[in-house]
Amino acid sequence: MDRINPDELDLKDKVIKINRVAKVVKGGRRFSFTALVVVGDGKGYVGDGYGKSREVAGAILKAIQDARKNLIKVSVNKTTIPHEVLGHYGAGRVLLKPAGEGTGIIAGYAVKAVLEMVGLEDVLTKSIGSNNPLNAVRATITALKMLKSKEDYKKLLSSEKDKEAVEEEKSVEREE
């Protein structure tokens, strides 16, 4: 898959979680910060990033850089998703369902942030298993990667029909 150039997109970022972590050393505790960030353009592109630094601002900057490296294109159907999908990451699972127009995004904070960054407006979700924001975000991204548009399905079906036709021709040739 081709890498998406983040400089060509008008990306916005949203900080999902900032966490203070401690490393115990000889003189006491050494604190640093981690940041989980989602970036997207609201038109079908989204990415997530995780950064760690001794300062909050540094952790957020690193997370944004990481998110810009991990951009994906999502198949969108007007304001919702084309079909139901279940994404996994670690112990976290996220179920995404298309919703009728005007429903809004029914989701927890982390999943909602990802879907808003994609530009979706009507989606039903259920987070199953882990309630860790990192697992929820990554499971949502995994689910969004699995989405296929109607055009993708048509291409897939036509290529499978072509393969079946070739197999039939080979079997006919073998019989002769």
C-alpha atoms as a PDB file:
ATOM      1  CA  MET A   1       0.000   0.000   0.000  1.00  0.00           C
ATOM      2  CA  ASP A   2       1.276   3.460  -0.859  1.00  0.00           C
ATOM      3  CA  ARG A   3       2.215   5.772   1.974  1.00  0.00           C
ATOM      4  CA  ILE A   4      -0.048   8.794   2.342  1.00  0.00           C
ATOM      5  CA  ASN A   5       1.703  12.176   2.259  1.00  0.00           C
ATOM      6  CA  PRO A   6       0.477  14.148   5.318  1.00  0.00           C
ATOM      7  CA  ASP A   7       1.687  17.465   3.855  1.00  0.00           C
ATOM      8  CA  GLU A   8      -0.990  17.298   1.130  1.00  0.00           C
ATOM      9  CA  LEU A   9      -3.805  17.019   3.701  1.00  0.00           C
ATOM     10  CA  ASP A  10      -5.309  19.597   6.053  1.00  0.00           C
ATOM     11  CA  LEU A  11      -4.853  17.554   9.244  1.00  0.00           C
ATOM     12  CA  LYS A  12      -6.306  18.368  12.637  1.00  0.00           C
ATOM     13  CA  ASP A  13      -5.162  16.635  15.801  1.00  0.00           C
ATOM     14  CA  LYS A  14      -6.903  15.620  18.991  1.00  0.00           C
ATOM     15  CA  VAL A  15      -5.195  14.526  22.200  1.00  0.00           C
ATOM     16  CA  ILE A  16      -6.947  11.461  23.603  1.00  0.00           C
ATOM     17  CA  LYS A  17      -4.896  10.761  26.718  1.00  0.00           C
ATOM     18  CA  ILE A  18      -1.881  12.113  28.557  1.00  0.00           C
ATOM     19  CA  ASN A  19      -0.369   9.826  31.165  1.00  0.00           C
ATOM     20  CA  ARG A  20       2.371  10.476  33.712  1.00  0.00           C
ATOM     21  CA  VAL A  21       4.676   7.499  34.083  1.00  0.00           C
ATOM     22  CA  ALA A  22       7.433   7.020  36.641  1.00  0.00           C
ATOM     23  CA  LYS A  23      10.744   5.206  36.493  1.00  0.00           C
ATOM     24  CA  VAL A  24      12.247   4.408  39.888  1.00  0.00           C
ATOM     25  CA  VAL A  25      15.964   5.204  39.995  1.00  0.00           C
ATOM     26  CA  LYS A  26      18.567   5.384  42.758  1.00  0.00           C
ATOM     27  CA  GLY A  27      17.733   8.987  43.702  1.00  0.00           C
ATOM     28  CA  GLY A  28      13.936   8.553  43.651  1.00  0.00           C
ATOM     29  CA  ARG A  29      11.363   8.658  40.863  1.00  0.00           C
ATOM     30  CA  ARG A  30      11.970  10.031  37.385  1.00  0.00           C
ATOM     31  CA  PHE A  31       8.737  11.181  35.766  1.00  0.00           C
ATOM     32  CA  SER A  32       7.931  11.316  32.073  1.00  0.00           C
ATOM     33  CA  PHE A  33       4.744  11.695  30.063  1.00  0.00           C
ATOM     34  CA  THR A  34       3.050   9.698  27.329  1.00  0.00           C
ATOM     35  CA  ALA A  35       0.490  11.065  24.894  1.00  0.00           C
ATOM     36  CA  LEU A  36      -2.029   9.336  22.647  1.00  0.00           C
ATOM     37  CA  VAL A  37      -3.099  11.498  19.690  1.00  0.00           C
ATOM     38  CA  VAL A  38      -5.388  11.047  16.685  1.00  0.00           C
ATOM     39  CA  VAL A  39      -5.020  13.114  13.499  1.00  0.00           C
ATOM     40  CA  GLY A  40      -7.447  13.337  10.595  1.00  0.00           C
ATOM     41  CA  ASP A  41      -8.714  15.601   7.863  1.00  0.00           C
ATOM     42  CA  GLY A  42     -12.446  14.948   8.283  1.00  0.00           C
ATOM     43  CA  LYS A  43     -12.598  13.597   4.718  1.00  0.00           C
ATOM     44  CA  GLY A  44     -11.639   9.950   5.155  1.00  0.00           C
ATOM     45  CA  TYR A  45      -8.025  10.073   6.370  1.00  0.00           C
ATOM     46  CA  VAL A  46      -7.049   9.211   9.948  1.00  0.00           C
ATOM     47  CA  GLY A  47      -3.978   8.127  11.915  1.00  0.00           C
ATOM     48  CA  ASP A  48      -3.041   7.470  15.531  1.00  0.00           C
ATOM     49  CA  GLY A  49       0.225   8.121  17.319  1.00  0.00           C
ATOM     50  CA  TYR A  50       1.862   7.506  20.664  1.00  0.00           C
ATOM     51  CA  GLY A  51       4.696   9.625  22.040  1.00  0.00           C
ATOM     52  CA  LYS A  52       6.768   9.689  25.208  1.00  0.00           C
ATOM     53  CA  SER A  53       8.911  12.499  26.601  1.00  0.00           C
ATOM     54  CA  ARG A  54      10.049  14.165  29.824  1.00  0.00           C
ATOM     55  CA  GLU A  55       7.652  17.055  29.075  1.00  0.00           C
ATOM     56  CA  VAL A  56       3.985  17.017  28.073  1.00  0.00           C
ATOM     57  CA  ALA A  57       4.502  19.234  25.010  1.00  0.00           C
ATOM     58  CA  GLY A  58       7.321  16.988  23.761  1.00  0.00           C
ATOM     59  CA  ALA A  59       5.188  13.863  24.184  1.00  0.00           C
ATOM     60  CA  ILE A  60       2.310  15.455  22.232  1.00  0.00           C
ATOM     61  CA  LEU A  61       4.641  16.568  19.417  1.00  0.00           C
ATOM     62  CA  LYS A  62       6.134  13.070  19.122  1.00  0.00           C
ATOM     63  CA  ALA A  63       2.650  11.524  19.118  1.00  0.00           C
ATOM     64  CA  ILE A  64       1.490  13.893  16.339  1.00  0.00           C
ATOM     65  CA  GLN A  65       4.566  13.019  14.238  1.00  0.00           C
ATOM     66  CA  ASP A  66       3.877   9.309  14.784  1.00  0.00           C
ATOM     67  CA  ALA A  67       0.206   9.742  13.844  1.00  0.00           C
ATOM     68  CA  ARG A  68       1.121  11.560  10.617  1.00  0.00           C
ATOM     69  CA  LYS A  69       3.303   8.546   9.681  1.00  0.00           C
ATOM     70  CA  ASN A  70       0.436   6.103  10.295  1.00  0.00           C
ATOM     71  CA  LEU A  71      -2.308   7.620   8.117  1.00  0.00           C
ATOM     72  CA  ILE A  72      -4.909   5.379   6.484  1.00  0.00           C
ATOM     73  CA  LYS A  73      -7.721   6.006   3.977  1.00  0.00           C
ATOM     74  CA  VAL A  74     -11.178   4.955   5.158  1.00  0.00           C
ATOM     75  CA  SER A  75     -14.106   3.936   2.928  1.00  0.00           C
ATOM     76  CA  VAL A  76     -16.995   6.217   3.861  1.00  0.00           C
ATOM     77  CA  ASN A  77     -20.640   6.012   2.759  1.00  0.00           C
ATOM     78  CA  LYS A  78     -21.988   9.604   3.007  1.00  0.00           C
ATOM     79  CA  THR A  79     -22.022  10.217   6.782  1.00  0.00           C
ATOM     80  CA  THR A  80     -21.671   6.605   7.939  1.00  0.00           C
ATOM     81  CA  ILE A  81     -19.707   3.418   7.230  1.00  0.00           C
ATOM     82  CA  PRO A  82     -20.601   0.952   4.436  1.00  0.00           C
ATOM     83  CA  HIS A  83     -21.081  -2.125   6.650  1.00  0.00           C
ATOM     84  CA  GLU A  84     -20.702  -3.564  10.144  1.00  0.00           C
ATOM     85  CA  VAL A  85     -17.160  -4.449  11.228  1.00  0.00           C
ATOM     86  CA  LEU A  86     -15.333  -5.719  14.342  1.00  0.00           C
ATOM     87  CA  GLY A  87     -11.766  -4.542  15.017  1.00  0.00           C
ATOM     88  CA  HIS A  88      -9.291  -6.169  17.410  1.00  0.00           C
ATOM     89  CA  TYR A  89      -6.184  -4.886  19.115  1.00  0.00           C
ATOM     90  CA  GLY A  90      -4.748  -6.584  22.191  1.00  0.00           C
ATOM     91  CA  ALA A  91      -7.624  -7.365  24.558  1.00  0.00           C
ATOM     92  CA  GLY A  92      -9.738  -4.565  23.085  1.00  0.00           C
ATOM     93  CA  ARG A  93     -12.422  -5.143  20.494  1.00  0.00           C
ATOM     94  CA  VAL A  94     -14.576  -2.444  18.914  1.00  0.00           C
ATOM     95  CA  LEU A  95     -17.770  -3.111  16.970  1.00  0.00           C
ATOM     96  CA  LEU A  96     -18.763  -0.432  14.441  1.00  0.00           C
ATOM     97  CA  LYS A  97     -22.249  -0.381  12.890  1.00  0.00           C
ATOM     98  CA  PRO A  98     -23.678   1.954  10.264  1.00  0.00           C
ATOM     99  CA  ALA A  99     -26.455   4.216  11.567  1.00  0.00           C
ATOM    100  CA  GLY A 100     -29.273   6.203  10.012  1.00  0.00           C
ATOM    101  CA  GLU A 101     -28.778   9.847   9.173  1.00  0.00           C
ATOM    102  CA  GLY A 102     -29.106  12.134  12.199  1.00  0.00           C
ATOM    103  CA  THR A 103     -28.176   9.445  14.746  1.00  0.00           C
ATOM    104  CA  GLY A 104     -24.787  10.897  15.616  1.00  0.00           C
ATOM    105  CA  ILE A 105     -21.749   9.010  16.894  1.00  0.00           C
ATOM    106  CA  ILE A 106     -22.705   6.763  19.797  1.00  0.00           C
ATOM    107  CA  ALA A 107     -19.324   5.826  21.267  1.00  0.00           C
ATOM    108  CA  GLY A 108     -16.908   6.226  24.138  1.00  0.00           C
ATOM    109  CA  TYR A 109     -14.453   9.124  24.181  1.00  0.00           C
ATOM    110  CA  ALA A 110     -11.494   7.435  22.438  1.00  0.00           C
ATOM    111  CA  VAL A 111     -13.524   5.722  19.694  1.00  0.00           C
ATOM    112  CA  LYS A 112     -15.604   8.867  19.126  1.00  0.00           C
ATOM    113  CA  ALA A 113     -12.464  10.966  18.631  1.00  0.00           C
ATOM    114  CA  VAL A 114     -11.190   8.600  15.909  1.00  0.00           C
ATOM    115  CA  LEU A 115     -14.547   8.549  14.088  1.00  0.00           C
ATOM    116  CA  GLU A 116     -14.841  12.355  14.240  1.00  0.00           C
ATOM    117  CA  MET A 117     -11.337  12.740  12.788  1.00  0.00           C
ATOM    118  CA  VAL A 118     -12.356  10.492   9.857  1.00  0.00           C
ATOM    119  CA  GLY A 119     -15.357  12.745   9.210  1.00  0.00           C
ATOM    120  CA  LEU A 120     -18.082  10.255  10.086  1.00  0.00           C
ATOM    121  CA  GLU A 121     -21.266  11.584  11.678  1.00  0.00           C
ATOM    122  CA  ASP A 122     -23.615   8.594  12.113  1.00  0.00           C
ATOM    123  CA  VAL A 123     -22.107   5.434  13.617  1.00  0.00           C
ATOM    124  CA  LEU A 124     -23.121   3.066  16.412  1.00  0.00           C
ATOM    125  CA  THR A 125     -20.271   1.435  18.355  1.00  0.00           C
ATOM    126  CA  LYS A 126     -19.686  -1.008  21.171  1.00  0.00           C
ATOM    127  CA  SER A 127     -16.359  -1.375  22.933  1.00  0.00           C
ATOM    128  CA  ILE A 128     -15.838  -4.943  24.135  1.00  0.00           C
ATOM    129  CA  GLY A 129     -13.083  -6.196  26.418  1.00  0.00           C
ATOM    130  CA  SER A 130     -10.389  -3.710  27.398  1.00  0.00           C
ATOM    131  CA  ASN A 131     -11.410  -0.135  28.202  1.00  0.00           C
ATOM    132  CA  ASN A 132      -7.834   1.109  27.770  1.00  0.00           C
ATOM    133  CA  PRO A 133      -7.911   4.132  25.400  1.00  0.00           C
ATOM    134  CA  LEU A 134      -4.853   2.909  23.452  1.00  0.00           C
ATOM    135  CA  ASN A 135      -6.483  -0.492  22.783  1.00  0.00           C
ATOM    136  CA  ALA A 136      -9.788   1.189  21.877  1.00  0.00           C
ATOM    137  CA  VAL A 137      -8.149   3.605  19.410  1.00  0.00           C
ATOM    138  CA  ARG A 138      -6.023   0.909  17.756  1.00  0.00           C
ATOM    139  CA  ALA A 139      -8.984  -1.515  17.555  1.00  0.00           C
ATOM    140  CA  THR A 140     -11.058   1.237  15.922  1.00  0.00           C
ATOM    141  CA  ILE A 141      -8.298   1.940  13.387  1.00  0.00           C
ATOM    142  CA  THR A 142      -8.060  -1.810  12.664  1.00  0.00           C
ATOM    143  CA  ALA A 143     -11.824  -1.931  12.104  1.00  0.00           C
ATOM    144  CA  LEU A 144     -11.716   1.099   9.794  1.00  0.00           C
ATOM    145  CA  LYS A 145      -8.950  -0.580   7.742  1.00  0.00           C
ATOM    146  CA  MET A 146     -11.281  -3.547   7.153  1.00  0.00           C
ATOM    147  CA  LEU A 147     -14.050  -1.417   5.637  1.00  0.00           C
ATOM    148  CA  LYS A 148     -14.735  -2.000   1.947  1.00  0.00           C
ATOM    149  CA  SER A 149     -16.840   0.173  -0.345  1.00  0.00           C
ATOM    150  CA  LYS A 150     -19.336  -1.221  -2.869  1.00  0.00           C
ATOM    151  CA  GLU A 151     -16.819  -0.580  -5.650  1.00  0.00           C
ATOM    152  CA  ASP A 152     -14.175  -2.627  -3.790  1.00  0.00           C
ATOM    153  CA  TYR A 153     -16.614  -5.540  -3.467  1.00  0.00           C
ATOM    154  CA  LYS A 154     -17.486  -5.350  -7.169  1.00  0.00           C
ATOM    155  CA  LYS A 155     -13.780  -5.490  -8.074  1.00  0.00           C
ATOM    156  CA  LEU A 156     -13.274  -8.411  -5.688  1.00  0.00           C
ATOM    157  CA  LEU A 157     -16.255 -10.340  -7.097  1.00  0.00           C
ATOM    158  CA  SER A 158     -15.224  -9.723 -10.707  1.00  0.00           C
ATOM    159  CA  SER A 159     -11.671 -10.923 -10.011  1.00  0.00           C
ATOM    160  CA  GLU A 160     -13.040 -14.069  -8.302  1.00  0.00           C
ATOM    161  CA  LYS A 161     -15.330 -14.750 -11.283  1.00  0.00           C
ATOM    162  CA  ASP A 162     -12.332 -14.365 -13.607  1.00  0.00           C
ATOM    163  CA  LYS A 163     -10.376 -16.879 -11.509  1.00  0.00           C
ATOM    164  CA  GLU A 164     -13.307 -19.332 -11.600  1.00  0.00           C
ATOM    165  CA  ALA A 165     -13.554 -18.984 -15.388  1.00  0.00           C
ATOM    166  CA  VAL A 166      -9.829 -19.716 -15.764  1.00  0.00           C
ATOM    167  CA  GLU A 167     -10.163 -22.767 -13.485  1.00  0.00           C
ATOM    168  CA  GLU A 168     -13.101 -24.063 -15.561  1.00  0.00           C
ATOM    169  CA  GLU A 169     -11.100 -23.659 -18.766  1.00  0.00           C
ATOM    170  CA  LYS A 170      -8.180 -25.592 -17.245  1.00  0.00           C
ATOM    171  CA  SER A 171     -10.465 -28.414 -16.068  1.00  0.00           C
ATOM    172  CA  VAL A 172     -12.076 -28.657 -19.533  1.00  0.00           C
ATOM    173  CA  GLU A 173      -8.613 -28.825 -21.130  1.00  0.00           C
ATOM    174  CA  ARG A 174      -7.576 -31.616 -18.709  1.00  0.00           C
ATOM    175  CA  GLU A 175     -10.683 -33.658 -19.563  1.00  0.00           C
ATOM    176  CA  GLU A 176      -9.903 -33.485 -23.284  1.00  0.00           C
END
